[in-house]
Amino acid sequence: MENVLLPDEVINSFKKFKRNYEAANSMYNELKEHVGKYVAIDNGSVIGFTDTYQDAKEKFGNIDGVFIELVTDKNIFWIL
């Protein structure tokens, strides 16, 4: 198996995504009031909500490391 070295910008984007995912998990109770909406999180803060995944991707999908997910009424996060 060949080792592949990822560029620093890719690694940094993954790390930012991870921090945003962790922020989403830590603010789950705050997000529950937006059940059925897609939430976008960047730099550990909510940057917006949309009704559809497509709208979220169009508005926030080009932000490096942004985390987008569907808010549910269960303790479940869908990673999109």
Protein backbone atom coordinates (compact mmCIF):
# COMPACT_ATOMS: atom_id res chain seq x y z
CA MET A 1 0.00 0.00 0.00
CA GLU A 2 1.31 3.40 -0.97
CA ASN A 3 1.31 6.28 1.51
CA VAL A 4 -0.30 9.46 0.30
CA LEU A 5 0.64 12.82 1.74
CA LEU A 6 -2.28 15.25 1.89
CA PRO A 7 -1.58 18.92 1.30
CA ASP A 8 -1.59 21.12 4.42
CA GLU A 9 -4.67 23.03 3.24
CA VAL A 10 -6.67 19.80 3.04
CA ILE A 11 -5.57 18.73 6.51
CA ASN A 12 -6.38 22.18 7.90
CA SER A 13 -9.83 22.07 6.29
CA PHE A 14 -10.51 18.66 7.91
CA LYS A 15 -9.37 20.02 11.28
CA LYS A 16 -11.65 23.05 10.95
CA PHE A 17 -14.56 20.78 9.98
CA LYS A 18 -13.87 18.64 13.07
CA ARG A 19 -13.90 21.72 15.35
CA ASN A 20 -17.19 22.86 13.81
CA TYR A 21 -18.69 19.37 14.24
CA GLU A 22 -17.64 19.36 17.89
CA ALA A 23 -19.15 22.82 18.35
CA ALA A 24 -22.45 21.55 16.89
CA ASN A 25 -22.49 18.68 19.35
CA SER A 26 -21.79 21.00 22.28
CA MET A 27 -24.68 23.30 21.35
CA TYR A 28 -27.23 20.56 20.64
CA ASN A 29 -29.79 21.91 23.14
CA GLU A 30 -29.68 25.33 21.50
CA LEU A 31 -30.19 23.82 18.06
CA LYS A 32 -33.24 21.73 19.08
CA GLU A 33 -35.51 24.75 18.58
CA HIS A 34 -34.70 24.52 14.84
CA VAL A 35 -35.83 20.92 14.25
CA GLY A 36 -36.23 20.17 10.55
CA LYS A 37 -33.81 22.90 9.48
CA TYR A 38 -30.27 22.59 8.19
CA VAL A 39 -27.72 24.44 10.29
CA ALA A 40 -24.35 25.69 9.09
CA ILE A 41 -21.56 26.18 11.61
CA ASP A 42 -18.27 27.96 11.02
CA ASN A 43 -15.61 28.99 13.53
CA GLY A 44 -17.70 27.33 16.25
CA SER A 45 -20.75 29.54 15.65
CA VAL A 46 -24.04 29.15 13.82
CA ILE A 47 -23.87 31.13 10.59
CA GLY A 48 -27.34 30.26 9.34
CA PHE A 49 -30.29 27.95 8.93
CA THR A 50 -32.02 26.81 5.74
CA ASP A 51 -35.03 24.68 4.87
CA THR A 52 -33.24 22.39 2.43
CA TYR A 53 -29.81 20.82 2.11
CA GLN A 54 -29.48 22.28 -1.38
CA ASP A 55 -30.05 25.81 -0.01
CA ALA A 56 -27.44 25.18 2.69
CA LYS A 57 -24.90 23.95 0.14
CA GLU A 58 -25.54 26.96 -2.10
CA LYS A 59 -25.23 29.47 0.75
CA PHE A 60 -22.51 27.90 2.89
CA GLY A 61 -20.96 25.01 0.97
CA ASN A 62 -18.06 27.01 -0.38
CA ILE A 63 -16.83 28.04 3.09
CA ASP A 64 -13.71 26.09 4.03
CA GLY A 65 -14.40 23.62 6.84
CA VAL A 66 -18.05 24.58 7.32
CA PHE A 67 -20.20 21.91 8.99
CA ILE A 68 -23.78 21.50 7.70
CA GLU A 69 -26.31 19.21 9.28
CA LEU A 70 -29.99 18.51 9.69
CA VAL A 71 -31.31 19.34 13.15
CA THR A 72 -33.48 16.50 14.46
CA ASP A 73 -35.54 16.06 17.60
CA LYS A 74 -33.38 13.07 18.56
CA ASN A 75 -29.79 13.08 19.80
CA ILE A 76 -28.68 12.24 16.27
CA PHE A 77 -26.51 14.35 14.00
CA TRP A 78 -26.35 13.53 10.32
CA ILE A 79 -22.99 14.43 8.83
CA LEU A 80 -23.60 15.78 5.35
